[in-house]
């Protein structure tokens, strides 16, 4: 395969809208221990020149990954896509282990947040909660084996091709759900 002309070095930052920049920064500092690293504020959008005052804040999410938010006080109130279920659009962060996931859940619940999970996904477990802007946040701990990840990579293209033709869930990776279901049944029996 020829070298691709674009050589990515990772995600520079991901940006979302927020209702209140200060409240958002303080939430992510308190809830997830993120470090607030930068803030930009302008009256005109640099890329378009349009007048649209904003505050743009940046938080370090670990390993050079940055989460950013825009507060846009002169735009209509934030909304969400009413045609997309709230579980679809989310921010997912990695934690190092199941124990860290459990500790994070206890910490977040101690802050008064409603936390869903952990949910078993076969190769990782996750918890879910919402930030003050209504963005769904996920914390995930990988638990899969190298062989499981290799198998998922192997079947990814056939699954995508089948989905593209049928719009029905392919069964190439049904074993993921079987793993999760077996663990859930085991817990229920205890």
N, C-alpha and C. Protein backbone atom coordinates (compact mmCIF):
# COMPACT_ATOMS: atom_id res chain seq x y z
N UNK A 1 0.84 -1.18 0.00
CA UNK A 1 0.00 0.00 0.00
C UNK A 1 0.89 1.24 0.00
N UNK A 2 0.57 2.19 -0.84
CA UNK A 2 1.35 3.43 -0.93
C UNK A 2 1.18 4.26 0.33
N UNK A 3 2.17 5.08 0.60
CA UNK A 3 2.10 5.98 1.75
C UNK A 3 1.01 7.01 1.51
N UNK A 4 0.22 7.25 2.51
CA UNK A 4 -0.86 8.23 2.41
C UNK A 4 -0.27 9.63 2.48
N UNK A 5 -0.82 10.59 1.74
CA UNK A 5 -0.26 11.94 1.75
C UNK A 5 -0.49 12.69 3.06
N UNK A 6 -1.42 12.22 3.88
CA UNK A 6 -1.68 12.84 5.18
C UNK A 6 -1.08 11.95 6.26
N UNK A 7 -0.22 12.50 7.07
CA UNK A 7 0.43 11.75 8.14
C UNK A 7 -0.02 12.31 9.49
N UNK A 8 -1.09 11.73 10.05
CA UNK A 8 -1.65 12.24 11.29
C UNK A 8 -0.75 11.93 12.47
N UNK A 9 -0.71 12.86 13.42
CA UNK A 9 0.06 12.68 14.63
C UNK A 9 -0.82 12.52 15.85
N UNK A 10 -2.11 12.26 15.65
CA UNK A 10 -3.04 12.14 16.76
C UNK A 10 -4.11 13.20 16.68
N UNK A 11 -4.91 13.29 17.73
CA UNK A 11 -5.97 14.30 17.79
C UNK A 11 -5.40 15.54 18.47
N UNK A 12 -5.44 16.66 17.79
CA UNK A 12 -4.96 17.92 18.37
C UNK A 12 -5.91 18.38 19.47
N UNK A 13 -7.20 18.46 19.15
CA UNK A 13 -8.24 18.70 20.14
C UNK A 13 -9.59 18.40 19.53
N UNK A 14 -10.54 18.16 20.39
CA UNK A 14 -11.93 17.99 20.00
C UNK A 14 -12.69 19.11 20.68
N UNK A 15 -13.56 19.81 19.95
CA UNK A 15 -14.26 20.97 20.51
C UNK A 15 -15.77 20.76 20.49
N UNK A 16 -16.38 21.14 21.59
CA UNK A 16 -17.82 21.10 21.76
C UNK A 16 -18.29 22.47 22.25
N UNK A 17 -19.56 22.70 22.20
CA UNK A 17 -20.11 23.93 22.74
C UNK A 17 -20.44 23.73 24.21
N UNK A 18 -20.37 24.81 24.98
CA UNK A 18 -20.77 24.76 26.38
C UNK A 18 -21.67 25.94 26.69
N UNK A 19 -22.43 25.82 27.78
CA UNK A 19 -23.32 26.89 28.21
C UNK A 19 -22.57 27.97 28.96
N UNK A 20 -21.58 27.55 29.78
CA UNK A 20 -20.81 28.47 30.61
C UNK A 20 -19.39 27.94 30.71
N UNK A 21 -18.43 28.69 30.17
CA UNK A 21 -17.04 28.21 30.11
C UNK A 21 -16.46 27.96 31.50
N UNK A 22 -16.69 28.86 32.44
CA UNK A 22 -16.11 28.68 33.77
C UNK A 22 -16.70 27.45 34.46
N UNK A 23 -18.02 27.30 34.40
CA UNK A 23 -18.68 26.14 35.00
C UNK A 23 -18.15 24.84 34.37
N UNK A 24 -17.96 24.85 33.06
CA UNK A 24 -17.49 23.66 32.35
C UNK A 24 -16.07 23.31 32.76
N UNK A 25 -15.18 24.30 32.80
CA UNK A 25 -13.79 24.05 33.22
C UNK A 25 -13.78 23.50 34.64
N UNK A 26 -14.52 24.12 35.53
CA UNK A 26 -14.53 23.67 36.93
C UNK A 26 -15.10 22.25 37.05
N UNK A 27 -16.10 21.90 36.26
CA UNK A 27 -16.66 20.56 36.29
C UNK A 27 -15.60 19.53 35.89
N UNK A 28 -14.93 19.74 34.75
CA UNK A 28 -13.96 18.76 34.27
C UNK A 28 -12.72 18.69 35.17
N UNK A 29 -12.36 19.80 35.81
CA UNK A 29 -11.26 19.76 36.79
C UNK A 29 -11.67 18.90 37.99
N UNK A 30 -12.86 19.16 38.51
CA UNK A 30 -13.34 18.48 39.72
C UNK A 30 -13.71 17.02 39.45
N UNK A 31 -14.44 16.79 38.37
CA UNK A 31 -14.96 15.44 38.10
C UNK A 31 -13.89 14.50 37.56
N UNK A 32 -13.03 14.99 36.65
CA UNK A 32 -12.10 14.10 35.97
C UNK A 32 -10.63 14.47 36.17
N UNK A 33 -10.36 15.52 36.95
CA UNK A 33 -8.97 15.88 37.22
C UNK A 33 -8.25 16.46 36.01
N UNK A 34 -8.97 16.96 35.03
CA UNK A 34 -8.33 17.55 33.85
C UNK A 34 -7.68 18.88 34.23
N UNK A 35 -6.61 19.20 33.51
CA UNK A 35 -5.91 20.46 33.74
C UNK A 35 -6.36 21.48 32.70
N UNK A 36 -6.78 22.65 33.16
CA UNK A 36 -7.16 23.76 32.29
C UNK A 36 -5.87 24.39 31.78
N UNK A 37 -5.64 24.35 30.46
CA UNK A 37 -4.34 24.76 29.92
C UNK A 37 -4.35 26.03 29.09
N UNK A 38 -5.46 26.36 28.43
CA UNK A 38 -5.48 27.53 27.55
C UNK A 38 -6.90 28.10 27.46
N UNK A 39 -6.94 29.39 27.16
CA UNK A 39 -8.21 30.04 26.84
C UNK A 39 -7.95 31.08 25.76
N UNK A 40 -8.80 31.10 24.76
CA UNK A 40 -8.77 32.13 23.72
C UNK A 40 -10.13 32.82 23.74
N UNK A 41 -10.13 34.12 23.53
CA UNK A 41 -11.39 34.85 23.42
C UNK A 41 -11.25 35.87 22.30
N UNK A 42 -12.22 35.92 21.45
CA UNK A 42 -12.21 36.82 20.30
C UNK A 42 -13.63 37.33 20.06
N UNK A 43 -13.70 38.43 19.34
CA UNK A 43 -15.00 38.93 18.89
C UNK A 43 -15.32 38.45 17.47
N UNK A 44 -14.28 38.11 16.72
CA UNK A 44 -14.46 37.65 15.35
C UNK A 44 -13.83 36.26 15.19
N UNK A 45 -14.48 35.39 14.45
CA UNK A 45 -14.01 34.03 14.22
C UNK A 45 -12.80 34.10 13.28
N UNK A 46 -11.63 33.61 13.69
CA UNK A 46 -10.44 33.73 12.84
C UNK A 46 -10.59 33.08 11.47
N UNK A 47 -11.26 31.94 11.37
CA UNK A 47 -11.34 31.24 10.09
C UNK A 47 -12.31 31.89 9.11
N UNK A 48 -13.35 32.58 9.61
CA UNK A 48 -14.37 33.15 8.72
C UNK A 48 -14.42 34.67 8.76
N UNK A 49 -13.90 35.26 9.84
CA UNK A 49 -13.98 36.71 10.01
C UNK A 49 -15.33 37.18 10.53
N UNK A 50 -16.27 36.27 10.72
CA UNK A 50 -17.61 36.64 11.17
C UNK A 50 -17.57 37.16 12.60
N UNK A 51 -18.41 38.14 12.88
CA UNK A 51 -18.56 38.64 14.25
C UNK A 51 -19.35 37.59 15.03
N UNK A 52 -18.74 37.04 16.06
CA UNK A 52 -19.39 36.02 16.89
C UNK A 52 -18.52 35.84 18.14
N UNK A 53 -18.66 36.74 19.12
CA UNK A 53 -17.81 36.66 20.31
C UNK A 53 -17.86 35.28 20.95
N UNK A 54 -16.67 34.83 21.39
CA UNK A 54 -16.61 33.51 22.00
C UNK A 54 -15.48 33.43 23.02
N UNK A 55 -15.63 32.46 23.94
CA UNK A 55 -14.56 32.03 24.83
C UNK A 55 -14.29 30.59 24.46
N UNK A 56 -13.02 30.28 24.20
CA UNK A 56 -12.61 28.93 23.78
C UNK A 56 -11.64 28.43 24.85
N UNK A 57 -12.02 27.36 25.56
CA UNK A 57 -11.20 26.83 26.66
C UNK A 57 -10.71 25.43 26.31
N UNK A 58 -9.52 25.09 26.83
CA UNK A 58 -8.86 23.83 26.51
C UNK A 58 -8.47 23.12 27.80
N UNK A 59 -8.76 21.82 27.85
CA UNK A 59 -8.44 21.00 29.02
C UNK A 59 -7.63 19.78 28.58
N UNK A 60 -6.57 19.49 29.31
CA UNK A 60 -5.72 18.32 29.03
C UNK A 60 -6.44 17.07 29.53
N UNK A 61 -6.58 16.08 28.62
CA UNK A 61 -7.28 14.84 28.95
C UNK A 61 -6.34 13.65 29.08
N UNK A 62 -5.04 13.89 29.11
CA UNK A 62 -4.07 12.82 29.24
C UNK A 62 -3.46 12.43 27.91
N UNK A 63 -2.18 12.09 27.94
CA UNK A 63 -1.44 11.65 26.74
C UNK A 63 -1.49 12.64 25.59
N UNK A 64 -1.55 13.94 25.90
CA UNK A 64 -1.56 14.96 24.86
C UNK A 64 -2.91 15.15 24.20
N UNK A 65 -3.95 14.48 24.68
CA UNK A 65 -5.30 14.65 24.14
C UNK A 65 -5.95 15.85 24.81
N UNK A 66 -6.60 16.68 24.02
CA UNK A 66 -7.17 17.92 24.52
C UNK A 66 -8.65 17.98 24.20
N UNK A 67 -9.43 18.34 25.21
CA UNK A 67 -10.86 18.58 25.07
C UNK A 67 -11.08 20.08 25.17
N UNK A 68 -11.80 20.65 24.21
CA UNK A 68 -12.01 22.09 24.18
C UNK A 68 -13.51 22.39 24.12
N UNK A 69 -13.86 23.58 24.57
CA UNK A 69 -15.25 24.03 24.54
C UNK A 69 -15.31 25.48 24.08
N UNK A 70 -16.41 25.82 23.42
CA UNK A 70 -16.72 27.20 23.05
C UNK A 70 -17.94 27.65 23.81
N UNK A 71 -17.84 28.80 24.47
CA UNK A 71 -19.04 29.47 24.97
C UNK A 71 -19.36 30.58 23.97
N UNK A 72 -20.61 30.60 23.49
CA UNK A 72 -21.06 31.52 22.44
C UNK A 72 -22.24 32.33 22.96
N UNK A 73 -21.99 33.41 23.71
CA UNK A 73 -23.08 34.12 24.39
C UNK A 73 -24.07 34.82 23.47
N UNK A 74 -23.71 35.10 22.24
CA UNK A 74 -24.64 35.80 21.35
C UNK A 74 -25.37 34.88 20.39
N UNK A 75 -25.15 33.57 20.52
CA UNK A 75 -25.87 32.59 19.71
C UNK A 75 -27.12 32.12 20.46
N UNK A 76 -28.10 31.55 19.75
CA UNK A 76 -29.26 30.99 20.45
C UNK A 76 -28.81 29.94 21.46
N UNK A 77 -29.64 29.70 22.47
CA UNK A 77 -29.31 28.71 23.50
C UNK A 77 -28.94 27.38 22.87
N UNK A 78 -28.05 26.68 23.57
CA UNK A 78 -27.64 25.35 23.11
C UNK A 78 -28.84 24.42 23.03
N UNK A 79 -28.80 23.57 22.07
CA UNK A 79 -29.79 22.51 21.95
C UNK A 79 -29.04 21.25 21.59
N UNK A 80 -29.78 20.24 21.27
CA UNK A 80 -29.15 19.02 20.80
C UNK A 80 -29.98 18.52 19.63
N UNK A 81 -29.41 17.65 18.86
CA UNK A 81 -30.07 17.08 17.70
C UNK A 81 -31.19 16.16 18.19
N UNK A 82 -32.42 16.61 18.07
CA UNK A 82 -33.57 15.85 18.54
C UNK A 82 -33.79 14.54 17.80
N UNK A 83 -33.14 14.37 16.64
CA UNK A 83 -33.29 13.14 15.87
C UNK A 83 -32.23 12.10 16.20
N UNK A 84 -31.31 12.45 17.10
CA UNK A 84 -30.24 11.53 17.49
C UNK A 84 -30.40 11.19 18.96
N UNK A 85 -30.50 9.91 19.33
CA UNK A 85 -30.64 9.56 20.74
C UNK A 85 -29.45 10.10 21.55
N UNK A 86 -29.71 10.48 22.80
CA UNK A 86 -28.66 11.11 23.60
C UNK A 86 -27.49 10.19 23.91
N UNK A 87 -27.65 8.88 23.76
CA UNK A 87 -26.55 7.95 24.01
C UNK A 87 -25.55 7.90 22.87
N UNK A 88 -25.90 8.43 21.70
CA UNK A 88 -25.03 8.31 20.53
C UNK A 88 -23.84 9.26 20.60
N UNK A 89 -24.10 10.54 20.74
CA UNK A 89 -23.02 11.52 20.75
C UNK A 89 -22.46 11.63 22.16
N UNK A 90 -21.18 11.29 22.30
CA UNK A 90 -20.58 11.30 23.63
C UNK A 90 -19.07 11.45 23.54
N UNK A 91 -18.49 11.80 24.67
CA UNK A 91 -17.04 11.88 24.83
C UNK A 91 -16.62 10.66 25.63
N UNK A 92 -15.67 9.89 25.12
CA UNK A 92 -15.23 8.69 25.83
C UNK A 92 -13.75 8.83 26.18
N UNK A 93 -13.45 8.61 27.45
CA UNK A 93 -12.08 8.70 27.96
C UNK A 93 -11.65 7.34 28.51
N UNK A 94 -10.39 7.03 28.35
CA UNK A 94 -9.83 5.76 28.80
C UNK A 94 -9.32 5.90 30.24
N UNK A 95 -9.61 4.90 31.06
CA UNK A 95 -8.97 4.74 32.37
C UNK A 95 -8.17 3.45 32.33
N UNK A 96 -7.24 3.29 33.26
CA UNK A 96 -6.27 2.22 33.17
C UNK A 96 -6.71 0.83 33.56
N UNK A 97 -7.81 0.70 34.31
CA UNK A 97 -8.21 -0.63 34.79
C UNK A 97 -9.65 -0.60 35.27
N UNK A 98 -10.17 -1.80 35.53
CA UNK A 98 -11.51 -1.90 36.10
C UNK A 98 -11.55 -1.26 37.50
N UNK A 99 -10.48 -1.43 38.28
CA UNK A 99 -10.43 -0.81 39.60
C UNK A 99 -10.50 0.71 39.50
N UNK A 100 -9.80 1.28 38.53
CA UNK A 100 -9.86 2.73 38.32
C UNK A 100 -11.27 3.16 37.90
N UNK A 101 -11.93 2.33 37.10
CA UNK A 101 -13.29 2.62 36.68
C UNK A 101 -14.23 2.64 37.89
N UNK A 102 -14.08 1.66 38.77
CA UNK A 102 -14.89 1.59 39.99
C UNK A 102 -14.63 2.81 40.87
N UNK A 103 -13.36 3.18 41.04
CA UNK A 103 -13.01 4.34 41.85
C UNK A 103 -13.58 5.63 41.25
N UNK A 104 -13.53 5.73 39.92
CA UNK A 104 -14.08 6.91 39.24
C UNK A 104 -15.58 7.00 39.47
N UNK A 105 -16.27 5.86 39.38
CA UNK A 105 -17.72 5.85 39.60
C UNK A 105 -18.04 6.33 41.01
N UNK A 106 -17.32 5.83 41.99
CA UNK A 106 -17.56 6.25 43.38
C UNK A 106 -17.30 7.75 43.55
N UNK A 107 -16.23 8.24 42.94
CA UNK A 107 -15.91 9.68 43.01
C UNK A 107 -17.02 10.51 42.39
N UNK A 108 -17.45 10.14 41.20
CA UNK A 108 -18.48 10.91 40.49
C UNK A 108 -19.81 10.89 41.23
N UNK A 109 -20.18 9.73 41.77
CA UNK A 109 -21.41 9.65 42.55
C UNK A 109 -21.28 10.49 43.82
N UNK A 110 -20.07 10.57 44.38
CA UNK A 110 -19.83 11.42 45.54
C UNK A 110 -20.00 12.90 45.23
N UNK A 111 -19.87 13.26 43.95
CA UNK A 111 -20.11 14.65 43.52
C UNK A 111 -21.59 14.89 43.22
N UNK A 112 -22.41 13.86 43.41
CA UNK A 112 -23.84 13.99 43.17
C UNK A 112 -24.27 13.69 41.75
N UNK A 113 -23.40 13.11 40.95
CA UNK A 113 -23.76 12.78 39.56
C UNK A 113 -24.44 11.43 39.49
N UNK A 114 -25.39 11.30 38.58
CA UNK A 114 -26.01 10.02 38.28
C UNK A 114 -25.08 9.29 37.31
N UNK A 115 -24.62 8.11 37.69
CA UNK A 115 -23.67 7.36 36.88
C UNK A 115 -24.30 6.02 36.51
N UNK A 116 -24.31 5.72 35.21
CA UNK A 116 -24.83 4.47 34.70
C UNK A 116 -23.67 3.50 34.50
N UNK A 117 -23.83 2.27 34.92
CA UNK A 117 -22.81 1.26 34.67
C UNK A 117 -22.14 0.82 35.94
N UNK A 118 -21.13 -0.03 35.79
CA UNK A 118 -20.45 -0.32 34.54
C UNK A 118 -21.25 -1.21 33.60
N UNK A 119 -21.08 -0.92 32.32
CA UNK A 119 -21.67 -1.70 31.25
C UNK A 119 -20.56 -2.51 30.59
N UNK A 120 -20.79 -3.80 30.41
CA UNK A 120 -19.80 -4.70 29.83
C UNK A 120 -19.99 -4.73 28.31
N UNK A 121 -18.92 -4.42 27.58
CA UNK A 121 -18.97 -4.41 26.11
C UNK A 121 -18.14 -5.53 25.51
N UNK A 122 -17.80 -6.55 26.28
CA UNK A 122 -17.02 -7.68 25.77
C UNK A 122 -15.53 -7.45 25.89
N UNK A 123 -15.03 -6.34 25.33
CA UNK A 123 -13.60 -6.04 25.37
C UNK A 123 -13.28 -4.80 26.21
N UNK A 124 -14.30 -4.13 26.71
CA UNK A 124 -14.10 -3.03 27.65
C UNK A 124 -15.36 -2.85 28.48
N UNK A 125 -15.20 -2.19 29.62
CA UNK A 125 -16.33 -1.85 30.48
C UNK A 125 -16.37 -0.33 30.60
N UNK A 126 -17.59 0.21 30.71
CA UNK A 126 -17.78 1.66 30.72
C UNK A 126 -18.76 2.10 31.77
N UNK A 127 -18.59 3.36 32.19
CA UNK A 127 -19.60 4.07 32.97
C UNK A 127 -19.96 5.33 32.19
N UNK A 128 -21.16 5.86 32.46
CA UNK A 128 -21.68 7.01 31.71
C UNK A 128 -22.31 8.01 32.65
N UNK A 129 -22.15 9.30 32.32
CA UNK A 129 -22.77 10.39 33.06
C UNK A 129 -22.84 11.60 32.14
N UNK A 130 -23.48 12.67 32.59
CA UNK A 130 -23.62 13.88 31.78
C UNK A 130 -22.89 15.04 32.43
N UNK A 131 -22.29 15.89 31.59
CA UNK A 131 -21.65 17.11 32.08
C UNK A 131 -22.72 18.20 32.21
N UNK A 132 -22.37 19.39 32.72
CA UNK A 132 -23.39 20.44 32.92
C UNK A 132 -24.02 20.96 31.63
N UNK A 133 -23.43 20.63 30.48
CA UNK A 133 -23.94 21.08 29.19
C UNK A 133 -24.87 20.07 28.53
N UNK A 134 -25.04 18.91 29.18
CA UNK A 134 -25.85 17.86 28.61
C UNK A 134 -25.08 16.92 27.71
N UNK A 135 -23.74 17.06 27.65
CA UNK A 135 -22.93 16.14 26.86
C UNK A 135 -22.74 14.85 27.65
N UNK A 136 -22.97 13.73 26.99
CA UNK A 136 -22.75 12.43 27.64
C UNK A 136 -21.26 12.14 27.67
N UNK A 137 -20.78 11.70 28.83
CA UNK A 137 -19.37 11.37 29.02
C UNK A 137 -19.27 9.90 29.41
N UNK A 138 -18.30 9.22 28.81
CA UNK A 138 -18.05 7.81 29.09
C UNK A 138 -16.62 7.66 29.60
N UNK A 139 -16.44 6.83 30.60
CA UNK A 139 -15.12 6.38 31.02
C UNK A 139 -15.06 4.90 30.73
N UNK A 140 -13.98 4.46 30.07
CA UNK A 140 -13.89 3.07 29.63
C UNK A 140 -12.57 2.44 30.07
N UNK A 141 -12.65 1.19 30.50
CA UNK A 141 -11.46 0.41 30.86
C UNK A 141 -11.38 -0.79 29.93
N UNK A 142 -10.29 -0.89 29.18
CA UNK A 142 -10.10 -2.02 28.28
C UNK A 142 -9.86 -3.29 29.08
N UNK A 143 -10.50 -4.38 28.65
CA UNK A 143 -10.33 -5.68 29.32
C UNK A 143 -10.09 -6.80 28.32
N UNK A 144 -10.05 -6.48 27.03
CA UNK A 144 -9.90 -7.49 26.00
C UNK A 144 -8.49 -8.01 25.87
N UNK A 145 -8.38 -9.13 25.16
CA UNK A 145 -7.08 -9.74 24.88
C UNK A 145 -6.58 -9.27 23.52
N UNK A 146 -5.30 -9.45 23.27
CA UNK A 146 -4.72 -9.10 21.97
C UNK A 146 -5.42 -9.88 20.85
N UNK A 147 -5.76 -11.13 21.12
CA UNK A 147 -6.44 -11.96 20.12
C UNK A 147 -7.83 -11.41 19.81
N UNK A 148 -8.54 -10.96 20.84
CA UNK A 148 -9.88 -10.40 20.61
C UNK A 148 -9.81 -9.12 19.77
N UNK A 149 -8.87 -8.25 20.08
CA UNK A 149 -8.73 -7.02 19.30
C UNK A 149 -8.32 -7.33 17.86
N UNK A 150 -7.45 -8.33 17.67
CA UNK A 150 -7.04 -8.74 16.32
C UNK A 150 -8.24 -9.28 15.54
N UNK A 151 -9.08 -10.06 16.20
CA UNK A 151 -10.26 -10.61 15.52
C UNK A 151 -11.23 -9.49 15.14
N UNK A 152 -11.41 -8.52 16.01
CA UNK A 152 -12.29 -7.40 15.67
C UNK A 152 -11.76 -6.62 14.47
N UNK A 153 -10.45 -6.44 14.42
CA UNK A 153 -9.86 -5.74 13.27
C UNK A 153 -10.08 -6.57 12.01
N UNK A 154 -9.89 -7.89 12.10
CA UNK A 154 -10.03 -8.77 10.95
C UNK A 154 -11.43 -8.72 10.35
N UNK A 155 -12.46 -8.66 11.20
CA UNK A 155 -13.84 -8.70 10.71
C UNK A 155 -14.44 -7.31 10.46
N UNK A 156 -13.69 -6.27 10.75
CA UNK A 156 -14.27 -4.92 10.64
C UNK A 156 -14.73 -4.58 9.22
N UNK A 157 -13.92 -4.86 8.21
CA UNK A 157 -14.31 -4.53 6.83
C UNK A 157 -15.48 -5.40 6.36
N UNK A 158 -15.46 -6.71 6.59
CA UNK A 158 -16.64 -7.50 6.19
C UNK A 158 -17.92 -7.04 6.90
N UNK A 159 -17.80 -6.65 8.17
CA UNK A 159 -18.99 -6.17 8.89
C UNK A 159 -19.51 -4.88 8.26
N UNK A 160 -18.61 -3.97 7.96
CA UNK A 160 -19.01 -2.70 7.36
C UNK A 160 -19.66 -2.92 6.00
N UNK A 161 -19.06 -3.80 5.21
CA UNK A 161 -19.63 -4.08 3.88
C UNK A 161 -21.03 -4.69 4.00
N UNK A 162 -21.20 -5.66 4.92
CA UNK A 162 -22.51 -6.28 5.09
C UNK A 162 -23.53 -5.25 5.58
N UNK A 163 -23.15 -4.43 6.56
CA UNK A 163 -24.04 -3.39 7.07
C UNK A 163 -24.45 -2.45 5.93
N UNK A 164 -23.49 -2.05 5.13
CA UNK A 164 -23.75 -1.12 4.03
C UNK A 164 -24.81 -1.66 3.08
N UNK A 165 -24.82 -2.98 2.88
CA UNK A 165 -25.78 -3.59 1.96
C UNK A 165 -27.13 -3.86 2.62
N UNK A 166 -27.13 -4.28 3.89
CA UNK A 166 -28.38 -4.77 4.51
C UNK A 166 -28.99 -3.82 5.54
N UNK A 167 -28.16 -2.97 6.16
CA UNK A 167 -28.57 -2.10 7.29
C UNK A 167 -29.12 -2.93 8.44
N UNK A 168 -28.62 -4.16 8.56
CA UNK A 168 -28.95 -5.05 9.68
C UNK A 168 -27.64 -5.43 10.36
N UNK A 169 -27.70 -5.62 11.68
CA UNK A 169 -26.48 -5.89 12.45
C UNK A 169 -25.82 -7.19 12.01
N UNK A 170 -24.58 -7.12 11.48
CA UNK A 170 -23.84 -8.33 11.14
C UNK A 170 -23.49 -9.11 12.42
N UNK A 171 -23.27 -10.39 12.30
CA UNK A 171 -23.04 -11.24 13.47
C UNK A 171 -21.56 -11.63 13.62
N UNK A 172 -20.67 -11.01 12.87
CA UNK A 172 -19.26 -11.36 12.90
C UNK A 172 -18.63 -11.24 14.30
N UNK A 173 -19.13 -10.33 15.10
CA UNK A 173 -18.56 -10.09 16.43
C UNK A 173 -19.60 -10.33 17.53
N UNK A 174 -20.54 -11.22 17.27
CA UNK A 174 -21.58 -11.52 18.26
C UNK A 174 -20.98 -12.07 19.55
N UNK A 175 -19.79 -12.64 19.46
CA UNK A 175 -19.12 -13.18 20.65
C UNK A 175 -18.89 -12.10 21.72
N UNK A 176 -18.79 -10.83 21.31
CA UNK A 176 -18.66 -9.75 22.30
C UNK A 176 -19.84 -9.74 23.27
N UNK A 177 -21.02 -9.84 22.72
CA UNK A 177 -22.23 -9.82 23.54
C UNK A 177 -22.37 -11.09 24.36
N UNK A 178 -21.91 -12.20 23.81
CA UNK A 178 -21.95 -13.46 24.56
C UNK A 178 -21.06 -13.38 25.79
N UNK A 179 -19.89 -12.75 25.67
CA UNK A 179 -19.00 -12.57 26.81
C UNK A 179 -19.69 -11.71 27.88
N UNK A 180 -20.26 -10.59 27.44
CA UNK A 180 -20.93 -9.69 28.38
C UNK A 180 -22.14 -10.37 29.02
N UNK A 181 -22.93 -11.07 28.23
CA UNK A 181 -24.11 -11.75 28.77
C UNK A 181 -23.73 -12.82 29.78
N UNK A 182 -22.65 -13.56 29.50
CA UNK A 182 -22.20 -14.61 30.43
C UNK A 182 -21.77 -13.99 31.76
N UNK A 183 -21.07 -12.87 31.71
CA UNK A 183 -20.66 -12.23 32.97
C UNK A 183 -21.87 -11.68 33.73
N UNK A 184 -22.82 -11.09 33.00
CA UNK A 184 -24.02 -10.57 33.66
C UNK A 184 -24.83 -11.68 34.30
N UNK A 185 -24.93 -12.83 33.63
CA UNK A 185 -25.66 -13.99 34.19
C UNK A 185 -24.94 -14.51 35.43
N UNK A 186 -23.62 -14.53 35.41
CA UNK A 186 -22.83 -14.98 36.54
C UNK A 186 -23.05 -14.06 37.74
N UNK A 187 -23.07 -12.76 37.50
CA UNK A 187 -23.31 -11.80 38.60
C UNK A 187 -24.71 -11.94 39.16
N UNK A 188 -25.70 -12.16 38.27
CA UNK A 188 -27.08 -12.29 38.72
C UNK A 188 -27.27 -13.54 39.58
N UNK A 189 -26.50 -14.59 39.31
CA UNK A 189 -26.61 -15.84 40.05
C UNK A 189 -25.97 -15.75 41.44
N UNK A 190 -25.10 -14.78 41.63
CA UNK A 190 -24.40 -14.67 42.93
C UNK A 190 -25.26 -14.06 44.00
